[in-house]
Amino acid sequence: MTALGTSAEPFAAPGPPRPEASPVLRFGAIGCGDIAGRRTLPALLSTPGTVLTCVGSRDADRAKALGRHFDCEAVAPYEALLERPDVDAVYIAVPSMLHAEWAAAALRAGKHVLVEKPAAANHADAARLFAMARERGLVLMENFMFLHHSQHATVKALLEAGAIGELRTFSAAFTIPPRADDDMRYRPDIGGGALLDNGVYPLRAALHFLGPELRLTGAVLRRDRRRGVVVSGSVLLAAPQGVAAHLAFGMEHGYRSAYELHGSTGSLALSHVFTTPDSHHPVLRLSRQDHREERVLPVDRHFVNILSVFRRAVIRAEDVSAESYAALRQAGLVDEIVARAETFTV
């Protein structure tokens, strides 16, 4: 495993722009769970320069139903979709523990890959995937759509302008209520539990704002005795300058999706940051010693935005190596959290 705090393996520099002879990127979708059906595939249908050629399922009847819903062809099984010459890129939304397996299969088939987060359950698998993509000249991206919402660029601009002075701490939480007993998130063989399902969101946000050199200083995990998966946790990270990141996640809580940044002269806070609806106007709360204000930010379509970024990376060879680097750092931190956390079985 690449040690955190050291430089990861280099990413190839972006090559010359690919010819625009075929500017439309043709997608096939493997696995159509909740986030795919509600958000990603509808966004794909409205993203300029992308088309949904087909959807795939293990079950032929399920595939047909999905095809009718999204007005495209249906394919079963998954392997048949990967063989199609009219599919340039594959969107993968199978359960978390299966992401690496099907991302690798798609890359071997010569397809570009947009995979739901995380790309892999551990650093070794993630490193193999990104190496495979580089070797084949293919684009591999995690579908961390929230990073592409304009509200976070606004926060970064305020930080750089000194709106809250020098940054001291970052805190983030993504928690959801308990799911149905048969929810795949509770299955260790395919779902992997809360750390892989929603814990990676605040982890990726911390990397986004504090940089890739974060290191783990402590973690607590709660593991469900009956199901054998982590259902919640808390993580403490530290940046090289001593800025701390406090993260919380889980699926045994009330819903929370927020982060706060505290500096030497004030603080910034946002809610609904990880699953922001397209119609939502984010409200940024800025506080200083004798000043409080709320700024209503514009709506944005972060699912469309990331699909546009992915398309440009494929068609124009735009550089997404920074996202690849962050994905590897995240995978390394997940490994460390699993290995070093104090775990309570409940």
Protein backbone atom coordinates (compact mmCIF):
# COMPACT_ATOMS: atom_id res chain seq x y z
CA MET A 1 0.00 0.00 0.00
CA THR A 2 1.27 3.49 -0.82
CA ALA A 3 2.07 5.14 2.49
CA LEU A 4 0.06 8.23 3.27
CA GLY A 5 2.19 11.33 3.37
CA THR A 6 4.40 10.17 0.48
CA SER A 7 3.93 10.82 -3.19
CA ALA A 8 1.75 8.30 -5.01
CA GLU A 9 2.74 6.70 -8.29
CA PRO A 10 2.79 9.30 -11.08
CA PHE A 11 -0.09 9.76 -13.46
CA ALA A 12 0.55 10.10 -17.14
CA ALA A 13 0.42 13.65 -18.44
CA PRO A 14 -2.60 14.34 -20.63
CA GLY A 15 -1.90 13.52 -24.25
CA PRO A 16 -2.88 15.53 -27.30
CA PRO A 17 -6.59 16.21 -27.68
CA ARG A 18 -8.46 13.37 -29.28
CA PRO A 19 -10.14 14.18 -32.57
CA GLU A 20 -13.72 15.43 -32.29
CA ALA A 21 -14.87 13.14 -35.11
CA SER A 22 -17.32 11.47 -32.72
CA PRO A 23 -18.19 14.09 -30.10
CA VAL A 24 -21.05 12.05 -28.67
CA LEU A 25 -20.02 9.73 -25.85
CA ARG A 26 -22.10 6.55 -25.85
CA PHE A 27 -22.74 5.02 -22.42
CA GLY A 28 -23.82 1.63 -21.22
CA ALA A 29 -24.98 1.32 -17.60
CA ILE A 30 -24.22 -1.69 -15.43
CA GLY A 31 -26.34 -1.95 -12.30
CA CYS A 32 -29.19 0.48 -11.86
CA GLY A 33 -29.71 0.96 -8.16
CA ASP A 34 -31.14 3.91 -6.29
CA ILE A 35 -28.62 6.64 -7.17
CA ALA A 36 -28.39 5.52 -10.79
CA GLY A 37 -32.13 5.48 -11.38
CA ARG A 38 -32.92 8.69 -9.51
CA ARG A 39 -29.97 10.91 -10.33
CA THR A 40 -27.12 9.73 -12.59
CA LEU A 41 -29.00 8.25 -15.54
CA PRO A 42 -31.57 11.07 -15.75
CA ALA A 43 -28.63 13.51 -15.67
CA LEU A 44 -26.87 11.53 -18.40
CA LEU A 45 -29.93 11.87 -20.63
CA SER A 46 -29.78 15.68 -20.29
CA THR A 47 -25.99 16.13 -20.54
CA PRO A 48 -24.92 17.58 -23.90
CA GLY A 49 -22.78 15.17 -25.89
CA THR A 50 -23.77 12.00 -24.01
CA VAL A 51 -26.27 9.29 -24.90
CA LEU A 52 -27.43 6.20 -23.06
CA THR A 53 -27.10 3.32 -25.52
CA CYS A 54 -28.17 0.53 -23.19
CA VAL A 55 -28.69 -0.57 -19.62
CA GLY A 56 -27.61 -3.93 -18.29
CA SER A 57 -28.88 -6.22 -15.59
CA ARG A 58 -28.23 -9.77 -14.45
CA ASP A 59 -31.94 -10.40 -14.93
CA ALA A 60 -33.39 -10.13 -18.45
CA ASP A 61 -36.82 -8.95 -17.24
CA ARG A 62 -35.21 -6.32 -15.02
CA ALA A 63 -33.09 -5.16 -17.96
CA LYS A 64 -36.18 -4.81 -20.17
CA ALA A 65 -37.99 -2.77 -17.54
CA LEU A 66 -35.00 -0.45 -17.20
CA GLY A 67 -34.71 -0.13 -20.97
CA ARG A 68 -38.34 0.90 -21.26
CA HIS A 69 -37.95 3.41 -18.44
CA PHE A 70 -34.88 5.07 -19.96
CA ASP A 71 -35.93 4.58 -23.59
CA CYS A 72 -32.86 2.59 -24.56
CA GLU A 73 -31.86 -0.99 -25.29
CA ALA A 74 -31.75 -3.62 -22.57
CA VAL A 75 -28.87 -6.05 -22.19
CA ALA A 76 -28.39 -9.13 -20.02
CA PRO A 77 -26.01 -10.23 -18.61
CA TYR A 78 -23.42 -7.54 -17.89
CA GLU A 79 -20.78 -9.24 -20.04
CA ALA A 80 -22.94 -8.76 -23.14
CA LEU A 81 -22.99 -5.02 -22.57
CA LEU A 82 -19.19 -4.88 -22.39
CA GLU A 83 -18.94 -6.58 -25.79
CA ARG A 84 -21.01 -3.98 -27.61
CA PRO A 85 -19.11 -1.80 -30.12
CA ASP A 86 -21.67 1.01 -29.71
CA VAL A 87 -20.68 1.54 -26.05
CA ASP A 88 -17.70 3.87 -25.52
CA ALA A 89 -17.98 4.21 -21.75
CA VAL A 90 -19.55 2.24 -18.93
CA TYR A 91 -21.26 3.70 -15.90
CA ILE A 92 -21.04 1.22 -13.01
CA ALA A 93 -23.52 1.32 -10.14
CA VAL A 94 -23.32 -2.18 -8.71
CA PRO A 95 -22.91 -2.61 -4.90
CA SER A 96 -19.70 -1.18 -3.42
CA MET A 97 -17.77 -4.43 -2.98
CA LEU A 98 -18.28 -5.23 -6.68
CA HIS A 99 -17.08 -1.89 -8.08
CA ALA A 100 -13.47 -2.98 -8.66
CA GLU A 101 -14.44 -6.27 -10.31
CA TRP A 102 -16.68 -4.67 -12.92
CA ALA A 103 -14.52 -1.60 -13.43
CA ALA A 104 -11.62 -3.93 -14.27
CA ALA A 105 -13.82 -5.95 -16.63
CA ALA A 106 -14.91 -2.77 -18.43
CA LEU A 107 -11.32 -1.54 -18.76
CA ARG A 108 -10.23 -4.90 -20.14
CA ALA A 109 -13.02 -4.54 -22.70
CA GLY A 110 -11.53 -1.20 -23.78
CA LYS A 111 -14.25 0.98 -22.25
CA HIS A 112 -13.84 4.23 -20.34
CA VAL A 113 -15.31 3.92 -16.84
CA LEU A 114 -17.34 6.16 -14.54
CA VAL A 115 -17.81 4.12 -11.38
CA GLU A 116 -19.82 4.89 -8.29
CA LYS A 117 -17.76 5.74 -5.26
CA PRO A 118 -15.52 4.26 -4.04
CA ALA A 119 -13.83 2.77 -7.10
CA ALA A 120 -12.48 -0.01 -4.91
CA ALA A 121 -12.80 -1.20 -1.31
CA ASN A 122 -9.04 -0.98 -0.66
CA HIS A 123 -5.90 0.76 -1.89
CA ALA A 124 -4.37 -2.26 -3.62
CA ASP A 125 -7.42 -2.75 -5.85
CA ALA A 126 -7.72 0.98 -6.52
CA ALA A 127 -4.05 1.21 -7.54
CA ARG A 128 -4.47 -1.74 -9.92
CA LEU A 129 -7.51 -0.13 -11.52
CA PHE A 130 -5.90 3.25 -12.13
CA ALA A 131 -2.74 1.57 -13.42
CA MET A 132 -4.85 -0.50 -15.82
CA ALA A 133 -6.61 2.61 -17.09
CA ARG A 134 -3.31 4.42 -17.65
CA GLU A 135 -1.79 1.48 -19.49
CA ARG A 136 -4.77 1.28 -21.82
CA GLY A 137 -5.15 5.02 -22.36
CA LEU A 138 -8.64 4.97 -20.83
CA VAL A 139 -10.42 7.35 -18.47
CA LEU A 140 -11.40 6.03 -15.04
CA MET A 141 -13.27 8.31 -12.64
CA GLU A 142 -15.21 7.89 -9.42
CA ASN A 143 -18.68 9.43 -9.50
CA PHE A 144 -18.03 11.86 -6.64
CA MET A 145 -20.54 14.27 -8.09
CA PHE A 146 -20.66 16.60 -5.06
CA LEU A 147 -17.12 17.82 -5.81
CA HIS A 148 -18.46 19.38 -9.01
CA HIS A 149 -21.14 21.54 -7.39
CA SER A 150 -20.31 25.26 -7.58
CA GLN A 151 -21.00 25.81 -3.86
CA HIS A 152 -17.66 24.21 -2.97
CA ALA A 153 -15.76 26.45 -5.38
CA THR A 154 -17.38 29.41 -3.61
CA VAL A 155 -16.17 28.10 -0.25
CA LYS A 156 -12.64 27.62 -1.58
CA ALA A 157 -12.60 31.16 -2.99
CA LEU A 158 -13.67 32.58 0.38
CA LEU A 159 -10.99 30.58 2.18
CA GLU A 160 -8.32 31.81 -0.24
CA ALA A 161 -9.54 35.39 0.24
CA GLY A 162 -9.07 35.09 4.02
CA ALA A 163 -12.78 35.32 4.86
CA ILE A 164 -12.27 33.34 8.08
CA GLY A 165 -8.54 33.91 8.60
CA GLU A 166 -6.20 30.93 8.84
CA LEU A 167 -7.97 27.58 8.75
CA ARG A 168 -7.91 25.71 12.05
CA THR A 169 -10.42 22.85 11.80
CA PHE A 170 -12.70 21.13 9.31
CA SER A 171 -15.70 19.03 10.31
CA ALA A 172 -18.08 17.05 8.12
CA ALA A 173 -20.87 14.56 8.62
CA PHE A 174 -22.92 12.32 6.36
CA THR A 175 -25.42 10.22 8.26
CA ILE A 176 -28.66 8.54 7.21
CA PRO A 177 -31.46 6.68 9.02
CA PRO A 178 -31.40 2.88 9.29
CA ARG A 179 -32.28 1.02 6.10
CA ALA A 180 -34.58 -1.96 5.57
CA ASP A 181 -33.18 -5.22 6.94
CA ASP A 182 -32.63 -6.61 3.45
CA ASP A 183 -30.74 -3.53 2.19
CA MET A 184 -27.55 -4.52 0.38
CA ARG A 185 -25.53 -2.04 2.49
CA TYR A 186 -25.85 -4.49 5.38
CA ARG A 187 -24.25 -7.32 3.40
CA PRO A 188 -20.48 -7.52 3.96
CA ASP A 189 -19.97 -9.50 0.75
CA ILE A 190 -21.42 -6.85 -1.58
CA GLY A 191 -22.41 -3.70 0.32
CA GLY A 192 -19.50 -3.35 2.69
CA GLY A 193 -21.21 -1.21 5.34
CA ALA A 194 -21.33 2.49 6.16
CA LEU A 195 -17.64 3.37 5.71
CA LEU A 196 -17.71 2.52 2.00
CA ASP A 197 -21.29 3.68 1.45
CA ASN A 198 -21.36 7.14 3.03
CA GLY A 199 -18.17 7.48 5.07
CA VAL A 200 -16.13 8.16 1.96
CA TYR A 201 -18.08 11.39 1.32
CA PRO A 202 -16.78 13.39 4.31
CA LEU A 203 -13.39 11.73 3.81
CA ARG A 204 -13.24 12.98 0.22
CA ALA A 205 -14.42 16.44 1.32
CA ALA A 206 -11.56 16.61 3.82
CA LEU A 207 -9.06 15.72 1.08
CA HIS A 208 -10.66 18.35 -1.16
CA PHE A 209 -10.23 21.19 1.32
CA LEU A 210 -7.14 20.14 3.28
CA GLY A 211 -5.08 18.42 0.60
CA PRO A 212 -3.77 14.90 -0.02
CA GLU A 213 -1.25 14.79 2.82
CA LEU A 214 -3.86 14.15 5.50
CA ARG A 215 -2.93 11.44 7.97
CA LEU A 216 -5.07 9.40 10.33
CA THR A 217 -4.73 10.16 14.02
CA GLY A 218 -7.72 8.26 15.40
CA ALA A 219 -10.95 6.46 14.52
CA VAL A 220 -13.90 4.74 16.17
CA LEU A 221 -16.12 2.27 14.32
CA ARG A 222 -19.40 0.63 15.40
CA ARG A 223 -19.87 -2.82 13.90
CA ASP A 224 -23.27 -4.52 13.87
CA ARG A 225 -22.91 -7.94 15.48
CA ARG A 226 -25.74 -9.59 13.56
CA ARG A 227 -24.91 -8.24 10.12
CA GLY A 228 -21.13 -8.13 10.41
CA VAL A 229 -20.70 -4.64 8.90
CA VAL A 230 -19.70 -1.21 10.16
CA VAL A 231 -22.83 0.88 10.70
CA SER A 232 -21.22 4.13 11.84
CA GLY A 233 -17.97 5.77 12.76
CA SER A 234 -15.94 8.86 13.60
CA VAL A 235 -12.52 9.76 12.22
CA LEU A 236 -9.87 12.31 13.20
CA LEU A 237 -7.34 13.38 10.56
CA ALA A 238 -4.54 15.94 10.60
CA ALA A 239 -3.00 18.05 7.84
CA PRO A 240 0.77 18.79 7.95
CA GLN A 241 0.21 22.27 9.44
CA GLY A 242 -1.84 20.86 12.32
CA VAL A 243 -5.30 21.54 10.87
CA ALA A 244 -7.65 18.86 12.20
CA ALA A 245 -10.52 17.20 10.36
CA HIS A 246 -13.35 15.67 12.40
CA LEU A 247 -15.53 13.35 10.34
CA ALA A 248 -18.70 11.42 11.19
CA PHE A 249 -20.71 8.96 9.14
CA GLY A 250 -23.25 6.21 9.55
CA MET A 251 -26.60 4.65 8.81
CA GLU A 252 -28.12 4.56 12.30
CA HIS A 253 -28.82 8.32 12.69
CA GLY A 254 -31.01 11.15 11.63
CA TYR A 255 -30.13 12.54 8.21
CA ARG A 256 -27.21 14.95 8.12
CA SER A 257 -25.12 16.12 5.18
CA ALA A 258 -22.98 19.11 6.12
CA TYR A 259 -19.55 20.55 6.72
CA GLU A 260 -18.04 23.47 8.63
CA LEU A 261 -14.68 25.20 8.40
CA HIS A 262 -13.40 27.14 11.41
CA GLY A 263 -10.62 29.68 11.09
CA SER A 264 -8.73 32.16 13.22
CA THR A 265 -11.30 34.92 12.65
CA GLY A 266 -14.55 33.14 11.75
CA SER A 267 -16.31 30.12 10.30
CA LEU A 268 -18.11 28.89 7.18
CA ALA A 269 -20.88 26.29 7.13
CA LEU A 270 -23.00 24.56 4.50
CA SER A 271 -25.77 21.96 4.69
CA HIS A 272 -27.06 19.46 2.10
CA VAL A 273 -23.57 19.30 0.65
CA PHE A 274 -23.26 15.67 -0.45
CA THR A 275 -26.65 14.91 -2.01
CA THR A 276 -27.69 18.39 -3.12
CA PRO A 277 -30.90 18.40 -5.20
CA ASP A 278 -30.75 20.21 -8.53
CA SER A 279 -33.38 22.67 -7.32
CA HIS A 280 -31.67 23.47 -4.01
CA HIS A 281 -30.24 26.93 -3.35
CA PRO A 282 -27.36 26.29 -0.92
CA VAL A 283 -27.25 28.67 2.02
CA LEU A 284 -23.71 29.52 3.12
CA ARG A 285 -23.44 30.74 6.71
CA LEU A 286 -20.48 33.03 7.37
CA SER A 287 -19.72 34.02 10.96
CA ARG A 288 -17.13 36.37 12.43
CA GLN A 289 -16.74 37.92 15.86
CA ASP A 290 -19.36 40.68 15.38
CA HIS A 291 -20.83 39.61 12.06
CA ARG A 292 -23.29 36.97 10.88
CA GLU A 293 -24.56 36.56 7.35
CA GLU A 294 -26.25 34.03 5.11
CA ARG A 295 -25.53 33.93 1.40
CA VAL A 296 -27.95 32.15 -0.89
CA LEU A 297 -25.91 30.47 -3.62
CA PRO A 298 -27.08 29.46 -7.11
CA VAL A 299 -28.60 26.11 -7.89
CA ASP A 300 -26.33 23.74 -9.77
CA ARG A 301 -26.50 20.30 -11.38
CA HIS A 302 -23.51 18.42 -10.05
CA PHE A 303 -24.47 15.14 -11.74
CA VAL A 304 -24.56 16.85 -15.13
CA ASN A 305 -21.32 18.64 -14.26
CA ILE A 306 -19.35 15.49 -13.51
CA LEU A 307 -20.71 13.76 -16.61
CA SER A 308 -19.53 16.76 -18.64
CA VAL A 309 -16.08 16.58 -17.03
CA PHE A 310 -15.90 12.85 -17.75
CA ARG A 311 -16.93 13.39 -21.37
CA ARG A 312 -14.29 16.08 -21.89
CA ALA A 313 -11.65 13.81 -20.37
CA VAL A 314 -12.56 11.14 -22.95
CA ILE A 315 -13.17 13.33 -26.01
CA ARG A 316 -10.64 16.11 -25.43
CA ALA A 317 -8.15 14.36 -23.15
CA GLU A 318 -8.69 16.94 -20.40
CA ASP A 319 -6.59 16.10 -17.36
CA VAL A 320 -8.38 14.39 -14.44
CA SER A 321 -5.22 13.03 -12.79
CA ALA A 322 -5.83 15.14 -9.66
CA GLU A 323 -9.08 13.25 -9.07
CA SER A 324 -7.29 9.95 -9.66
CA TYR A 325 -4.62 10.92 -7.13
CA ALA A 326 -7.28 11.86 -4.56
CA ALA A 327 -9.05 8.54 -5.14
CA LEU A 328 -5.87 6.65 -4.29
CA ARG A 329 -5.22 8.75 -1.19
CA GLN A 330 -8.79 8.13 -0.08
CA ALA A 331 -8.41 4.37 -0.58
CA GLY A 332 -5.24 4.41 1.50
CA LEU A 333 -7.00 6.24 4.31
CA VAL A 334 -9.87 3.74 4.22
CA ASP A 335 -7.32 0.94 4.65
CA GLU A 336 -5.79 2.72 7.63
CA ILE A 337 -9.15 3.41 9.24
CA VAL A 338 -10.13 -0.26 8.99
CA ALA A 339 -6.77 -1.41 10.34
CA ARG A 340 -6.29 1.09 13.17
CA ALA A 341 -9.77 2.06 14.41
CA GLU A 342 -11.03 1.13 17.83
CA THR A 343 -14.00 -1.02 16.85
CA PHE A 344 -17.02 -1.68 19.06
CA THR A 345 -19.35 -4.55 18.24
CA VAL A 346 -22.92 -3.58 19.06
